[in-house]
Amino acid sequence: MQTEHNCQGQCNHHWTASITKCYNCQTVTTPLWRRDDSGNTICNACGLYYKLHHVQRPVSMKRTVIKRRKR
């Protein structure tokens, strides 16, 4: 995601990158960003949980690291 930064006449164009954050659990790392029914950006874990259970994923289920599976 990119947002335009207001330079107040000092430059022609200046772009800054905004950090994408999950609307539900506030995480910034995920293998896939999704959107909920309201259009909010959510992480993969919250999106899959909502799809399966039809309720928002509890914040208590948040993990600090992404667990890799051996295949």
C-alpha atoms as a PDB file:
ATOM      1  CA  MET A   1       0.000   0.000   0.000  1.00  0.00           C
ATOM      2  CA  GLN A   2       1.214   3.474  -0.767  1.00  0.00           C
ATOM      3  CA  THR A   3      -0.063   6.838   0.337  1.00  0.00           C
ATOM      4  CA  GLU A   4       0.818  10.275  -0.971  1.00  0.00           C
ATOM      5  CA  HIS A   5       2.693  12.524   1.430  1.00  0.00           C
ATOM      6  CA  ASN A   6       1.946  16.258   1.451  1.00  0.00           C
ATOM      7  CA  CYS A   7       5.252  18.092   0.874  1.00  0.00           C
ATOM      8  CA  GLN A   8       3.729  21.568   1.262  1.00  0.00           C
ATOM      9  CA  GLY A   9       5.307  22.846  -1.958  1.00  0.00           C
ATOM     10  CA  GLN A  10       8.842  21.594  -1.287  1.00  0.00           C
ATOM     11  CA  CYS A  11       8.762  18.684  -3.736  1.00  0.00           C
ATOM     12  CA  ASN A  12       6.664  17.505  -6.686  1.00  0.00           C
ATOM     13  CA  HIS A  13       5.886  13.980  -5.507  1.00  0.00           C
ATOM     14  CA  HIS A  14       6.881  12.053  -2.432  1.00  0.00           C
ATOM     15  CA  TRP A  15       5.560   8.574  -1.661  1.00  0.00           C
ATOM     16  CA  THR A  16       5.731   6.803   1.672  1.00  0.00           C
ATOM     17  CA  ALA A  17       4.857   3.164   2.257  1.00  0.00           C
ATOM     18  CA  SER A  18       2.198   2.506   4.865  1.00  0.00           C
ATOM     19  CA  ILE A  19       2.324  -0.606   7.009  1.00  0.00           C
ATOM     20  CA  THR A  20      -0.572  -2.996   6.453  1.00  0.00           C
ATOM     21  CA  LYS A  21      -2.083  -4.160   9.740  1.00  0.00           C
ATOM     22  CA  CYS A  22      -4.809  -6.718  10.467  1.00  0.00           C
ATOM     23  CA  TYR A  23      -8.061  -5.028  11.483  1.00  0.00           C
ATOM     24  CA  ASN A  24      -8.851  -7.836  13.944  1.00  0.00           C
ATOM     25  CA  CYS A  25      -5.570  -8.858  15.637  1.00  0.00           C
ATOM     26  CA  GLN A  26      -3.255  -5.961  14.614  1.00  0.00           C
ATOM     27  CA  THR A  27      -0.542  -8.260  13.193  1.00  0.00           C
ATOM     28  CA  VAL A  28       1.713  -6.947  10.426  1.00  0.00           C
ATOM     29  CA  THR A  29       3.069 -10.296   9.141  1.00  0.00           C
ATOM     30  CA  THR A  30       1.039 -12.855   7.229  1.00  0.00           C
ATOM     31  CA  PRO A  31       1.533 -14.983   4.115  1.00  0.00           C
ATOM     32  CA  LEU A  32      -1.683 -13.565   2.602  1.00  0.00           C
ATOM     33  CA  TRP A  33      -3.773 -10.459   3.240  1.00  0.00           C
ATOM     34  CA  ARG A  34      -7.542 -10.860   2.965  1.00  0.00           C
ATOM     35  CA  ARG A  35     -10.631  -8.642   3.225  1.00  0.00           C
ATOM     36  CA  ASP A  36     -13.599  -9.209   5.531  1.00  0.00           C
ATOM     37  CA  ASP A  37     -17.250  -8.617   4.593  1.00  0.00           C
ATOM     38  CA  SER A  38     -16.915  -4.933   5.535  1.00  0.00           C
ATOM     39  CA  GLY A  39     -13.826  -4.466   3.344  1.00  0.00           C
ATOM     40  CA  ASN A  40     -11.337  -4.273   6.212  1.00  0.00           C
ATOM     41  CA  THR A  41      -7.866  -5.757   5.670  1.00  0.00           C
ATOM     42  CA  ILE A  42      -7.333  -8.878   7.780  1.00  0.00           C
ATOM     43  CA  CYS A  43      -4.540 -11.443   8.038  1.00  0.00           C
ATOM     44  CA  ASN A  44      -4.764 -14.945   6.621  1.00  0.00           C
ATOM     45  CA  ALA A  45      -5.398 -16.553  10.027  1.00  0.00           C
ATOM     46  CA  CYS A  46      -8.283 -14.213  10.888  1.00  0.00           C
ATOM     47  CA  GLY A  47      -9.765 -14.593   7.415  1.00  0.00           C
ATOM     48  CA  LEU A  48      -9.726 -18.386   7.498  1.00  0.00           C
ATOM     49  CA  TYR A  49     -11.092 -18.458  11.054  1.00  0.00           C
ATOM     50  CA  TYR A  50     -13.974 -16.170  10.085  1.00  0.00           C
ATOM     51  CA  LYS A  51     -14.718 -18.244   6.975  1.00  0.00           C
ATOM     52  CA  LEU A  52     -14.950 -21.434   9.062  1.00  0.00           C
ATOM     53  CA  HIS A  53     -16.656 -20.172  12.251  1.00  0.00           C
ATOM     54  CA  HIS A  54     -18.543 -17.032  11.058  1.00  0.00           C
ATOM     55  CA  VAL A  55     -17.191 -15.020  14.025  1.00  0.00           C
ATOM     56  CA  GLN A  56     -14.077 -12.879  14.449  1.00  0.00           C
ATOM     57  CA  ARG A  57     -10.961 -14.758  15.552  1.00  0.00           C
ATOM     58  CA  PRO A  58     -10.223 -14.219  19.272  1.00  0.00           C
ATOM     59  CA  VAL A  59      -7.111 -12.110  19.870  1.00  0.00           C
ATOM     60  CA  SER A  60      -6.001 -14.690  22.462  1.00  0.00           C
ATOM     61  CA  MET A  61      -5.272 -17.088  19.572  1.00  0.00           C
ATOM     62  CA  LYS A  62      -2.656 -14.733  18.080  1.00  0.00           C
ATOM     63  CA  ARG A  63       0.847 -16.202  17.718  1.00  0.00           C
ATOM     64  CA  THR A  64       4.068 -14.206  17.605  1.00  0.00           C
ATOM     65  CA  VAL A  65       5.664 -16.326  14.863  1.00  0.00           C
ATOM     66  CA  ILE A  66       4.361 -18.052  11.757  1.00  0.00           C
ATOM     67  CA  LYS A  67       4.650 -21.817  12.191  1.00  0.00           C
ATOM     68  CA  ARG A  68       6.021 -23.606   9.124  1.00  0.00           C
ATOM     69  CA  ARG A  69       4.766 -27.045   8.171  1.00  0.00           C
ATOM     70  CA  LYS A  70       7.116 -29.717   6.806  1.00  0.00           C
ATOM     71  CA  ARG A  71       5.786 -31.176   3.573  1.00  0.00           C
END
